[in-house]
């Protein structure tokens, strides 16, 4: 079966492998909250565990997802999105409470 090519010329399988690697290497520490620190990056055992990503383009998301977000004019994450998306990408259960209109649905 031929590999599908994305718009940038790389195959979907290559993109998914790269995204998996980034999700693992950039995953926040379990139980951590990026909103509770002012640091640009937090290190544990010499490795950066998460960055203070504020834009969706800084996350390990597929080109298709990023394109959909751009079409919807979603660039910056809300606080609830910043606090949860990294954990969700790492395969963790997430529980969040926030006001209506805060971006919970998009985060999940």
C-alpha atoms as a PDB file:
ATOM      1  CA  UNK A   1       0.000   0.000   0.000  1.00  0.00           C
ATOM      2  CA  UNK A   2       1.596   3.325  -0.991  1.00  0.00           C
ATOM      3  CA  UNK A   3       2.281   5.848   1.731  1.00  0.00           C
ATOM      4  CA  UNK A   4       0.102   8.954   1.590  1.00  0.00           C
ATOM      5  CA  UNK A   5       2.001  12.170   1.170  1.00  0.00           C
ATOM      6  CA  UNK A   6       1.149  15.243   3.201  1.00  0.00           C
ATOM      7  CA  UNK A   7       1.191  18.694   1.673  1.00  0.00           C
ATOM      8  CA  UNK A   8       4.774  19.335   2.791  1.00  0.00           C
ATOM      9  CA  UNK A   9       5.967  16.203   0.989  1.00  0.00           C
ATOM     10  CA  UNK A  10       6.544  14.016   4.059  1.00  0.00           C
ATOM     11  CA  UNK A  11       4.447  10.934   4.544  1.00  0.00           C
ATOM     12  CA  UNK A  12       1.755  10.681   7.183  1.00  0.00           C
ATOM     13  CA  UNK A  13       3.600   7.763   8.811  1.00  0.00           C
ATOM     14  CA  UNK A  14       6.745   9.880   9.138  1.00  0.00           C
ATOM     15  CA  UNK A  15       4.775  12.739  10.646  1.00  0.00           C
ATOM     16  CA  UNK A  16       3.060  10.428  13.142  1.00  0.00           C
ATOM     17  CA  UNK A  17       6.392   8.918  14.201  1.00  0.00           C
ATOM     18  CA  UNK A  18       7.835  12.395  14.755  1.00  0.00           C
ATOM     19  CA  UNK A  19       4.756  13.489  16.713  1.00  0.00           C
ATOM     20  CA  UNK A  20       4.902  10.370  18.921  1.00  0.00           C
ATOM     21  CA  UNK A  21       8.536  11.095  19.705  1.00  0.00           C
ATOM     22  CA  UNK A  22       7.747  14.739  20.567  1.00  0.00           C
ATOM     23  CA  UNK A  23       4.780  13.779  22.753  1.00  0.00           C
ATOM     24  CA  UNK A  24       6.988  11.419  24.756  1.00  0.00           C
ATOM     25  CA  UNK A  25       9.928  13.813  25.046  1.00  0.00           C
ATOM     26  CA  UNK A  26       7.830  16.915  25.796  1.00  0.00           C
ATOM     27  CA  UNK A  27       5.222  15.350  28.090  1.00  0.00           C
ATOM     28  CA  UNK A  28       4.662  17.269  31.319  1.00  0.00           C
ATOM     29  CA  UNK A  29       5.359  15.532  34.609  1.00  0.00           C
ATOM     30  CA  UNK A  30       2.297  13.656  35.809  1.00  0.00           C
ATOM     31  CA  UNK A  31       0.296  15.885  38.134  1.00  0.00           C
ATOM     32  CA  UNK A  32       2.070  19.075  37.075  1.00  0.00           C
ATOM     33  CA  UNK A  33       0.280  22.231  36.013  1.00  0.00           C
ATOM     34  CA  UNK A  34       2.030  24.582  33.580  1.00  0.00           C
ATOM     35  CA  UNK A  35      -0.026  27.472  34.920  1.00  0.00           C
ATOM     36  CA  UNK A  36       1.615  27.220  38.350  1.00  0.00           C
ATOM     37  CA  UNK A  37       5.113  28.224  37.243  1.00  0.00           C
ATOM     38  CA  UNK A  38       6.615  31.247  35.536  1.00  0.00           C
ATOM     39  CA  UNK A  39       9.522  29.229  34.138  1.00  0.00           C
ATOM     40  CA  UNK A  40       9.821  28.956  30.380  1.00  0.00           C
ATOM     41  CA  UNK A  41      10.749  25.284  30.759  1.00  0.00           C
ATOM     42  CA  UNK A  42      10.745  22.858  33.668  1.00  0.00           C
ATOM     43  CA  UNK A  43      13.480  20.257  33.958  1.00  0.00           C
ATOM     44  CA  UNK A  44      13.373  16.899  35.714  1.00  0.00           C
ATOM     45  CA  UNK A  45      16.413  14.646  35.648  1.00  0.00           C
ATOM     46  CA  UNK A  46      18.072  16.984  33.155  1.00  0.00           C
ATOM     47  CA  UNK A  47      15.274  16.730  30.585  1.00  0.00           C
ATOM     48  CA  UNK A  48      12.760  19.421  29.676  1.00  0.00           C
ATOM     49  CA  UNK A  49       9.376  18.066  30.711  1.00  0.00           C
ATOM     50  CA  UNK A  50       7.199  20.739  29.187  1.00  0.00           C
ATOM     51  CA  UNK A  51       7.477  24.175  27.746  1.00  0.00           C
ATOM     52  CA  UNK A  52       5.191  27.098  28.415  1.00  0.00           C
ATOM     53  CA  UNK A  53       3.507  26.685  25.052  1.00  0.00           C
ATOM     54  CA  UNK A  54       0.942  29.391  24.501  1.00  0.00           C
ATOM     55  CA  UNK A  55       0.133  28.742  20.853  1.00  0.00           C
ATOM     56  CA  UNK A  56      -1.232  25.584  19.288  1.00  0.00           C
ATOM     57  CA  UNK A  57       1.616  25.706  16.758  1.00  0.00           C
ATOM     58  CA  UNK A  58       4.054  25.001  19.623  1.00  0.00           C
ATOM     59  CA  UNK A  59       2.401  21.672  20.450  1.00  0.00           C
ATOM     60  CA  UNK A  60       3.121  18.295  18.846  1.00  0.00           C
ATOM     61  CA  UNK A  61      -0.015  18.369  16.668  1.00  0.00           C
ATOM     62  CA  UNK A  62      -0.408  17.071  13.128  1.00  0.00           C
ATOM     63  CA  UNK A  63      -0.311  19.398  10.147  1.00  0.00           C
ATOM     64  CA  UNK A  64      -3.981  18.640   9.510  1.00  0.00           C
ATOM     65  CA  UNK A  65      -4.953  19.547  13.061  1.00  0.00           C
ATOM     66  CA  UNK A  66      -2.918  22.746  12.922  1.00  0.00           C
ATOM     67  CA  UNK A  67      -4.518  23.644   9.578  1.00  0.00           C
ATOM     68  CA  UNK A  68      -8.001  23.105  11.048  1.00  0.00           C
ATOM     69  CA  UNK A  69      -7.157  25.271  14.035  1.00  0.00           C
ATOM     70  CA  UNK A  70      -5.855  27.986  11.707  1.00  0.00           C
ATOM     71  CA  UNK A  71      -9.052  27.847   9.615  1.00  0.00           C
ATOM     72  CA  UNK A  72     -11.024  28.343  12.822  1.00  0.00           C
ATOM     73  CA  UNK A  73      -8.735  31.242  13.726  1.00  0.00           C
ATOM     74  CA  UNK A  74      -7.546  29.437  16.872  1.00  0.00           C
ATOM     75  CA  UNK A  75      -3.935  30.466  17.523  1.00  0.00           C
ATOM     76  CA  UNK A  76      -3.498  31.028  21.252  1.00  0.00           C
ATOM     77  CA  UNK A  77      -4.540  28.518  23.888  1.00  0.00           C
ATOM     78  CA  UNK A  78      -6.749  29.414  26.808  1.00  0.00           C
ATOM     79  CA  UNK A  79      -5.584  28.581  30.335  1.00  0.00           C
ATOM     80  CA  UNK A  80      -7.576  25.350  30.524  1.00  0.00           C
ATOM     81  CA  UNK A  81      -6.123  24.250  27.173  1.00  0.00           C
ATOM     82  CA  UNK A  82      -2.565  25.055  28.271  1.00  0.00           C
ATOM     83  CA  UNK A  83      -3.078  23.133  31.516  1.00  0.00           C
ATOM     84  CA  UNK A  84      -4.555  19.985  29.937  1.00  0.00           C
ATOM     85  CA  UNK A  85      -3.512  19.358  26.339  1.00  0.00           C
ATOM     86  CA  UNK A  86       0.048  18.225  27.128  1.00  0.00           C
ATOM     87  CA  UNK A  87      -1.264  15.679  29.627  1.00  0.00           C
ATOM     88  CA  UNK A  88      -3.985  14.472  27.243  1.00  0.00           C
ATOM     89  CA  UNK A  89      -1.435  14.030  24.440  1.00  0.00           C
ATOM     90  CA  UNK A  90       0.679  11.944  26.833  1.00  0.00           C
ATOM     91  CA  UNK A  91      -2.303   9.617  27.267  1.00  0.00           C
ATOM     92  CA  UNK A  92      -3.224  10.702  30.768  1.00  0.00           C
ATOM     93  CA  UNK A  93      -6.707  11.136  32.160  1.00  0.00           C
ATOM     94  CA  UNK A  94      -7.531  14.795  32.678  1.00  0.00           C
ATOM     95  CA  UNK A  95     -10.152  16.432  34.860  1.00  0.00           C
ATOM     96  CA  UNK A  96     -10.742  20.150  34.450  1.00  0.00           C
ATOM     97  CA  UNK A  97     -13.314  22.611  35.687  1.00  0.00           C
ATOM     98  CA  UNK A  98     -13.639  25.995  34.032  1.00  0.00           C
ATOM     99  CA  UNK A  99     -16.256  28.548  33.018  1.00  0.00           C
ATOM    100  CA  UNK A 100     -18.458  28.179  29.989  1.00  0.00           C
ATOM    101  CA  UNK A 101     -16.607  29.515  26.948  1.00  0.00           C
ATOM    102  CA  UNK A 102     -13.146  28.832  28.386  1.00  0.00           C
ATOM    103  CA  UNK A 103     -12.091  26.347  25.686  1.00  0.00           C
ATOM    104  CA  UNK A 104     -12.657  23.020  27.451  1.00  0.00           C
ATOM    105  CA  UNK A 105     -14.322  21.361  24.477  1.00  0.00           C
ATOM    106  CA  UNK A 106     -11.516  22.283  22.099  1.00  0.00           C
ATOM    107  CA  UNK A 107      -8.953  21.048  24.627  1.00  0.00           C
ATOM    108  CA  UNK A 108     -10.500  17.590  24.513  1.00  0.00           C
END
